[in-house]
Amino acid sequence: MAKALDVSTSELLNGERKEGAQPEHTEAMVAEALQHSNRSTKLKFEKFRQVSLIALSATLLFSWVMLLPAPA
């Protein structure tokens, strides 16, 4: 059975194994960068979702207005 290796976040991102312990502040900076990336992605998705819903609503409203019968 293979034993588990402790791999730091920066080692995973760099794709190389470092000898010795990594400084704590480096790990904290990498973790904060990953959290910022996740927050940014979520905010972009929410903005895209809002714009999509507005566009869909506008399209449906325009279609409904165009399909109304002409006044007699």
PDB file of N, CA and C in Angstrom:
ATOM      1  N   MET A   1       0.845  -1.176   0.000  1.00  0.00           N
ATOM      2  CA  MET A   1       0.000   0.000   0.000  1.00  0.00           C
ATOM      3  C   MET A   1       0.895   1.245   0.000  1.00  0.00           C
ATOM      4  N   ALA A   2       0.560   2.221  -0.816  1.00  0.00           N
ATOM      5  CA  ALA A   2       1.366   3.430  -0.927  1.00  0.00           C
ATOM      6  C   ALA A   2       1.120   4.340   0.263  1.00  0.00           C
ATOM      7  N   LYS A   3       2.205   4.983   0.719  1.00  0.00           N
ATOM      8  CA  LYS A   3       2.030   5.911   1.834  1.00  0.00           C
ATOM      9  C   LYS A   3       1.682   7.299   1.301  1.00  0.00           C
ATOM     10  N   ALA A   4       0.942   8.052   2.087  1.00  0.00           N
ATOM     11  CA  ALA A   4       0.496   9.387   1.675  1.00  0.00           C
ATOM     12  C   ALA A   4       1.661  10.361   1.783  1.00  0.00           C
ATOM     13  N   LEU A   5       1.767  11.230   0.795  1.00  0.00           N
ATOM     14  CA  LEU A   5       2.794  12.267   0.796  1.00  0.00           C
ATOM     15  C   LEU A   5       2.156  13.600   1.135  1.00  0.00           C
ATOM     16  N   ASP A   6       2.824  14.366   1.973  1.00  0.00           N
ATOM     17  CA  ASP A   6       2.355  15.715   2.256  1.00  0.00           C
ATOM     18  C   ASP A   6       2.868  16.626   1.148  1.00  0.00           C
ATOM     19  N   VAL A   7       1.953  17.209   0.437  1.00  0.00           N
ATOM     20  CA  VAL A   7       2.305  18.103  -0.654  1.00  0.00           C
ATOM     21  C   VAL A   7       1.669  19.454  -0.371  1.00  0.00           C
ATOM     22  N   SER A   8       2.466  20.501  -0.463  1.00  0.00           N
ATOM     23  CA  SER A   8       1.935  21.838  -0.218  1.00  0.00           C
ATOM     24  C   SER A   8       1.206  22.342  -1.460  1.00  0.00           C
ATOM     25  N   THR A   9       0.406  23.376  -1.249  1.00  0.00           N
ATOM     26  CA  THR A   9      -0.355  23.962  -2.346  1.00  0.00           C
ATOM     27  C   THR A   9       0.571  24.537  -3.404  1.00  0.00           C
ATOM     28  N   SER A  10       1.613  25.215  -2.974  1.00  0.00           N
ATOM     29  CA  SER A  10       2.540  25.810  -3.939  1.00  0.00           C
ATOM     30  C   SER A  10       3.268  24.731  -4.743  1.00  0.00           C
ATOM     31  N   GLU A  11       3.554  23.588  -4.133  1.00  0.00           N
ATOM     32  CA  GLU A  11       4.169  22.485  -4.869  1.00  0.00           C
ATOM     33  C   GLU A  11       3.224  21.954  -5.941  1.00  0.00           C
ATOM     34  N   LEU A  12       1.943  21.857  -5.594  1.00  0.00           N
ATOM     35  CA  LEU A  12       0.964  21.401  -6.582  1.00  0.00           C
ATOM     36  C   LEU A  12       0.860  22.381  -7.744  1.00  0.00           C
ATOM     37  N   LEU A  13       0.815  23.672  -7.418  1.00  0.00           N
ATOM     38  CA  LEU A  13       0.679  24.681  -8.468  1.00  0.00           C
ATOM     39  C   LEU A  13       1.924  24.768  -9.343  1.00  0.00           C
ATOM     40  N   ASN A  14       3.108  24.615  -8.737  1.00  0.00           N
ATOM     41  CA  ASN A  14       4.351  24.690  -9.501  1.00  0.00           C
ATOM     42  C   ASN A  14       4.667  23.383 -10.218  1.00  0.00           C
ATOM     43  N   GLY A  15       4.088  22.296  -9.751  1.00  0.00           N
ATOM     44  CA  GLY A  15       4.338  20.999 -10.370  1.00  0.00           C
ATOM     45  C   GLY A  15       5.689  20.417 -10.027  1.00  0.00           C
ATOM     46  N   GLU A  16       6.266  20.829  -8.933  1.00  0.00           N
ATOM     47  CA  GLU A  16       7.565  20.299  -8.538  1.00  0.00           C
ATOM     48  C   GLU A  16       7.630  20.158  -7.026  1.00  0.00           C
ATOM     49  N   ARG A  17       8.403  19.198  -6.593  1.00  0.00           N
ATOM     50  CA  ARG A  17       8.557  18.913  -5.166  1.00  0.00           C
ATOM     51  C   ARG A  17       9.710  19.745  -4.615  1.00  0.00           C
ATOM     52  N   LYS A  18       9.478  20.444  -3.514  1.00  0.00           N
ATOM     53  CA  LYS A  18      10.504  21.243  -2.857  1.00  0.00           C
ATOM     54  C   LYS A  18      11.075  20.458  -1.683  1.00  0.00           C
ATOM     55  N   GLU A  19      12.364  20.607  -1.460  1.00  0.00           N
ATOM     56  CA  GLU A  19      12.992  19.978  -0.302  1.00  0.00           C
ATOM     57  C   GLU A  19      12.871  20.915   0.883  1.00  0.00           C
ATOM     58  N   GLY A  20      12.566  20.383   2.021  1.00  0.00           N
ATOM     59  CA  GLY A  20      12.451  21.185   3.237  1.00  0.00           C
ATOM     60  C   GLY A  20      11.045  21.738   3.385  1.00  0.00           C
ATOM     61  N   ALA A  21      10.806  22.349   4.525  1.00  0.00           N
ATOM     62  CA  ALA A  21       9.485  22.889   4.824  1.00  0.00           C
ATOM     63  C   ALA A  21       9.272  24.227   4.121  1.00  0.00           C
ATOM     64  N   GLN A  22       8.052  24.450   3.688  1.00  0.00           N
ATOM     65  CA  GLN A  22       7.692  25.716   3.069  1.00  0.00           C
ATOM     66  C   GLN A  22       7.332  26.714   4.157  1.00  0.00           C
ATOM     67  N   PRO A  23       7.674  27.980   3.954  1.00  0.00           N
ATOM     68  CA  PRO A  23       7.286  28.987   4.945  1.00  0.00           C
ATOM     69  C   PRO A  23       5.768  29.108   5.042  1.00  0.00           C
ATOM     70  N   GLU A  24       5.296  29.374   6.246  1.00  0.00           N
ATOM     71  CA  GLU A  24       3.857  29.481   6.482  1.00  0.00           C
ATOM     72  C   GLU A  24       3.231  30.615   5.685  1.00  0.00           C
ATOM     73  N   HIS A  25       3.931  31.736   5.563  1.00  0.00           N
ATOM     74  CA  HIS A  25       3.340  32.868   4.844  1.00  0.00           C
ATOM     75  C   HIS A  25       3.141  32.543   3.367  1.00  0.00           C
ATOM     76  N   THR A  26       3.994  31.689   2.808  1.00  0.00           N
ATOM     77  CA  THR A  26       3.824  31.293   1.409  1.00  0.00           C
ATOM     78  C   THR A  26       2.539  30.494   1.242  1.00  0.00           C
ATOM     79  N   GLU A  27       2.325  29.554   2.134  1.00  0.00           N
ATOM     80  CA  GLU A  27       1.103  28.742   2.078  1.00  0.00           C
ATOM     81  C   GLU A  27      -0.134  29.606   2.277  1.00  0.00           C
ATOM     82  N   ALA A  28      -0.035  30.585   3.181  1.00  0.00           N
ATOM     83  CA  ALA A  28      -1.175  31.473   3.432  1.00  0.00           C
ATOM     84  C   ALA A  28      -1.469  32.321   2.192  1.00  0.00           C
ATOM     85  N   MET A  29      -0.425  32.808   1.519  1.00  0.00           N
ATOM     86  CA  MET A  29      -0.625  33.611   0.308  1.00  0.00           C
ATOM     87  C   MET A  29      -1.253  32.776  -0.803  1.00  0.00           C
ATOM     88  N   VAL A  30      -0.803  31.549  -0.962  1.00  0.00           N
ATOM     89  CA  VAL A  30      -1.357  30.675  -1.992  1.00  0.00           C
ATOM     90  C   VAL A  30      -2.814  30.350  -1.680  1.00  0.00           C
ATOM     91  N   ALA A  31      -3.106  30.070  -0.420  1.00  0.00           N
ATOM     92  CA  ALA A  31      -4.484  29.765  -0.033  1.00  0.00           C
ATOM     93  C   ALA A  31      -5.384  30.970  -0.272  1.00  0.00           C
ATOM     94  N   GLU A  32      -4.910  32.169   0.040  1.00  0.00           N
ATOM     95  CA  GLU A  32      -5.702  33.385  -0.188  1.00  0.00           C
ATOM     96  C   GLU A  32      -5.924  33.618  -1.679  1.00  0.00           C
ATOM     97  N   ALA A  33      -4.916  33.345  -2.493  1.00  0.00           N
ATOM     98  CA  ALA A  33      -5.058  33.498  -3.944  1.00  0.00           C
ATOM     99  C   ALA A  33      -6.110  32.531  -4.489  1.00  0.00           C
ATOM    100  N   LEU A  34      -6.124  31.315  -3.985  1.00  0.00           N
ATOM    101  CA  LEU A  34      -7.123  30.336  -4.423  1.00  0.00           C
ATOM    102  C   LEU A  34      -8.525  30.751  -3.985  1.00  0.00           C
ATOM    103  N   GLN A  35      -8.651  31.276  -2.768  1.00  0.00           N
ATOM    104  CA  GLN A  35      -9.956  31.740  -2.298  1.00  0.00           C
ATOM    105  C   GLN A  35     -10.435  32.922  -3.131  1.00  0.00           C
ATOM    106  N   HIS A  36      -9.518  33.832  -3.462  1.00  0.00           N
ATOM    107  CA  HIS A  36      -9.881  34.988  -4.289  1.00  0.00           C
ATOM    108  C   HIS A  36     -10.352  34.524  -5.672  1.00  0.00           C
ATOM    109  N   SER A  37      -9.666  33.541  -6.217  1.00  0.00           N
ATOM    110  CA  SER A  37     -10.043  33.001  -7.520  1.00  0.00           C
ATOM    111  C   SER A  37     -11.446  32.394  -7.471  1.00  0.00           C
ATOM    112  N   ASN A  38     -11.736  31.663  -6.421  1.00  0.00           N
ATOM    113  CA  ASN A  38     -13.072  31.067  -6.271  1.00  0.00           C
ATOM    114  C   ASN A  38     -14.147  32.136  -6.149  1.00  0.00           C
ATOM    115  N   ARG A  39     -13.877  33.164  -5.334  1.00  0.00           N
ATOM    116  CA  ARG A  39     -14.844  34.257  -5.178  1.00  0.00           C
ATOM    117  C   ARG A  39     -15.066  34.974  -6.506  1.00  0.00           C
ATOM    118  N   SER A  40     -13.982  35.226  -7.228  1.00  0.00           N
ATOM    119  CA  SER A  40     -14.078  35.922  -8.507  1.00  0.00           C
ATOM    120  C   SER A  40     -14.904  35.118  -9.505  1.00  0.00           C
ATOM    121  N   THR A  41     -14.674  33.825  -9.555  1.00  0.00           N
ATOM    122  CA  THR A  41     -15.419  32.965 -10.467  1.00  0.00           C
ATOM    123  C   THR A  41     -16.905  32.956 -10.117  1.00  0.00           C
ATOM    124  N   LYS A  42     -17.219  32.874  -8.833  1.00  0.00           N
ATOM    125  CA  LYS A  42     -18.618  32.875  -8.408  1.00  0.00           C
ATOM    126  C   LYS A  42     -19.297  34.191  -8.762  1.00  0.00           C
ATOM    127  N   LEU A  43     -18.593  35.318  -8.549  1.00  0.00           N
ATOM    128  CA  LEU A  43     -19.168  36.623  -8.882  1.00  0.00           C
ATOM    129  C   LEU A  43     -19.410  36.758 -10.384  1.00  0.00           C
ATOM    130  N   LYS A  44     -18.478  36.277 -11.199  1.00  0.00           N
ATOM    131  CA  LYS A  44     -18.648  36.332 -12.652  1.00  0.00           C
ATOM    132  C   LYS A  44     -19.839  35.488 -13.086  1.00  0.00           C
ATOM    133  N   PHE A  45     -19.993  34.316 -12.486  1.00  0.00           N
ATOM    134  CA  PHE A  45     -21.116  33.451 -12.818  1.00  0.00           C
ATOM    135  C   PHE A  45     -22.434  34.106 -12.445  1.00  0.00           C
ATOM    136  N   GLU A  46     -22.485  34.722 -11.258  1.00  0.00           N
ATOM    137  CA  GLU A  46     -23.716  35.388 -10.826  1.00  0.00           C
ATOM    138  C   GLU A  46     -24.056  36.554 -11.752  1.00  0.00           C
ATOM    139  N   LYS A  47     -23.066  37.326 -12.162  1.00  0.00           N
ATOM    140  CA  LYS A  47     -23.308  38.447 -13.068  1.00  0.00           C
ATOM    141  C   LYS A  47     -23.812  37.924 -14.422  1.00  0.00           C
ATOM    142  N   PHE A  48     -23.192  36.854 -14.934  1.00  0.00           N
ATOM    143  CA  PHE A  48     -23.629  36.259 -16.190  1.00  0.00           C
ATOM    144  C   PHE A  48     -25.064  35.759 -16.068  1.00  0.00           C
ATOM    145  N   ARG A  49     -25.381  35.158 -14.928  1.00  0.00           N
ATOM    146  CA  ARG A  49     -26.739  34.651 -14.696  1.00  0.00           C
ATOM    147  C   ARG A  49     -27.748  35.799 -14.693  1.00  0.00           C
ATOM    148  N   GLN A  50     -27.432  36.892 -14.034  1.00  0.00           N
ATOM    149  CA  GLN A  50     -28.329  38.036 -13.991  1.00  0.00           C
ATOM    150  C   GLN A  50     -28.535  38.635 -15.377  1.00  0.00           C
ATOM    151  N   VAL A  51     -27.461  38.803 -16.127  1.00  0.00           N
ATOM    152  CA  VAL A  51     -27.570  39.365 -17.473  1.00  0.00           C
ATOM    153  C   VAL A  51     -28.375  38.432 -18.367  1.00  0.00           C
ATOM    154  N   SER A  52     -28.166  37.137 -18.229  1.00  0.00           N
ATOM    155  CA  SER A  52     -28.917  36.163 -19.028  1.00  0.00           C
ATOM    156  C   SER A  52     -30.407  36.221 -18.713  1.00  0.00           C
ATOM    157  N   LEU A  53     -30.755  36.336 -17.435  1.00  0.00           N
ATOM    158  CA  LEU A  53     -32.162  36.416 -17.060  1.00  0.00           C
ATOM    159  C   LEU A  53     -32.807  37.703 -17.566  1.00  0.00           C
ATOM    160  N   ILE A  54     -32.079  38.800 -17.525  1.00  0.00           N
ATOM    161  CA  ILE A  54     -32.607  40.062 -18.053  1.00  0.00           C
ATOM    162  C   ILE A  54     -32.814  39.958 -19.559  1.00  0.00           C
ATOM    163  N   ALA A  55     -31.851  39.372 -20.275  1.00  0.00           N
ATOM    164  CA  ALA A  55     -31.975  39.216 -21.725  1.00  0.00           C
ATOM    165  C   ALA A  55     -33.145  38.293 -22.073  1.00  0.00           C
ATOM    166  N   LEU A  56     -33.306  37.220 -21.350  1.00  0.00           N
ATOM    167  CA  LEU A  56     -34.410  36.301 -21.595  1.00  0.00           C
ATOM    168  C   LEU A  56     -35.751  36.985 -21.331  1.00  0.00           C
ATOM    169  N   SER A  57     -35.842  37.732 -20.250  1.00  0.00           N
ATOM    170  CA  SER A  57     -37.082  38.446 -19.931  1.00  0.00           C
ATOM    171  C   SER A  57     -37.421  39.471 -21.005  1.00  0.00           C
ATOM    172  N   ALA A  58     -36.406  40.208 -21.448  1.00  0.00           N
ATOM    173  CA  ALA A  58     -36.631  41.209 -22.487  1.00  0.00           C
ATOM    174  C   ALA A  58     -37.081  40.555 -23.791  1.00  0.00           C
ATOM    175  N   THR A  59     -36.485  39.434 -24.134  1.00  0.00           N
ATOM    176  CA  THR A  59     -36.862  38.718 -25.358  1.00  0.00           C
ATOM    177  C   THR A  59     -38.300  38.215 -25.268  1.00  0.00           C
ATOM    178  N   LEU A  60     -38.665  37.651 -24.126  1.00  0.00           N
ATOM    179  CA  LEU A  60     -40.040  37.157 -23.962  1.00  0.00           C
ATOM    180  C   LEU A  60     -41.050  38.303 -23.998  1.00  0.00           C
ATOM    181  N   LEU A  61     -40.726  39.412 -23.368  1.00  0.00           N
ATOM    182  CA  LEU A  61     -41.617  40.563 -23.375  1.00  0.00           C
ATOM    183  C   LEU A  61     -41.779  41.117 -24.790  1.00  0.00           C
ATOM    184  N   PHE A  62     -40.683  41.233 -25.513  1.00  0.00           N
ATOM    185  CA  PHE A  62     -40.726  41.722 -26.893  1.00  0.00           C
ATOM    186  C   PHE A  62     -41.560  40.777 -27.764  1.00  0.00           C
ATOM    187  N   SER A  63     -41.363  39.473 -27.586  1.00  0.00           N
ATOM    188  CA  SER A  63     -42.131  38.486 -28.372  1.00  0.00           C
ATOM    189  C   SER A  63     -43.630  38.578 -28.055  1.00  0.00           C
ATOM    190  N   TRP A  64     -43.949  38.744 -26.790  1.00  0.00           N
ATOM    191  CA  TRP A  64     -45.345  38.849 -26.392  1.00  0.00           C
ATOM    192  C   TRP A  64     -45.985  40.088 -27.002  1.00  0.00           C
ATOM    193  N   VAL A  65     -45.286  41.231 -26.990  1.00  0.00           N
ATOM    194  CA  VAL A  65     -45.801  42.463 -27.573  1.00  0.00           C
ATOM    195  C   VAL A  65     -46.000  42.298 -29.069  1.00  0.00           C
ATOM    196  N   MET A  66     -45.096  41.639 -29.748  1.00  0.00           N
ATOM    197  CA  MET A  66     -45.188  41.463 -31.202  1.00  0.00           C
ATOM    198  C   MET A  66     -46.333  40.534 -31.589  1.00  0.00           C
ATOM    199  N   LEU A  67     -46.723  39.633 -30.706  1.00  0.00           N
ATOM    200  CA  LEU A  67     -47.791  38.684 -31.018  1.00  0.00           C
ATOM    201  C   LEU A  67     -49.161  39.171 -30.624  1.00  0.00           C
ATOM    202  N   LEU A  68     -49.249  40.351 -30.011  1.00  0.00           N
ATOM    203  CA  LEU A  68     -50.572  40.894 -29.664  1.00  0.00           C
ATOM    204  C   LEU A  68     -51.329  41.207 -30.950  1.00  0.00           C
ATOM    205  N   PRO A  69     -52.638  40.964 -30.950  1.00  0.00           N
ATOM    206  CA  PRO A  69     -53.417  41.281 -32.141  1.00  0.00           C
ATOM    207  C   PRO A  69     -53.474  42.805 -32.361  1.00  0.00           C
ATOM    208  N   ALA A  70     -53.536  43.199 -33.605  1.00  0.00           N
ATOM    209  CA  ALA A  70     -53.618  44.619 -33.945  1.00  0.00           C
ATOM    210  C   ALA A  70     -54.978  45.167 -33.504  1.00  0.00           C
ATOM    211  N   PRO A  71     -55.042  46.407 -33.049  1.00  0.00           N
ATOM    212  CA  PRO A  71     -56.327  46.992 -32.646  1.00  0.00           C
ATOM    213  C   PRO A  71     -57.248  47.121 -33.860  1.00  0.00           C
ATOM    214  N   ALA A  72     -58.527  46.904 -33.612  1.00  0.00           N
ATOM    215  CA  ALA A  72     -59.500  46.932 -34.716  1.00  0.00           C
ATOM    216  C   ALA A  72     -59.948  48.333 -35.045  1.00  0.00           C
TER     217      ALA A  72
END
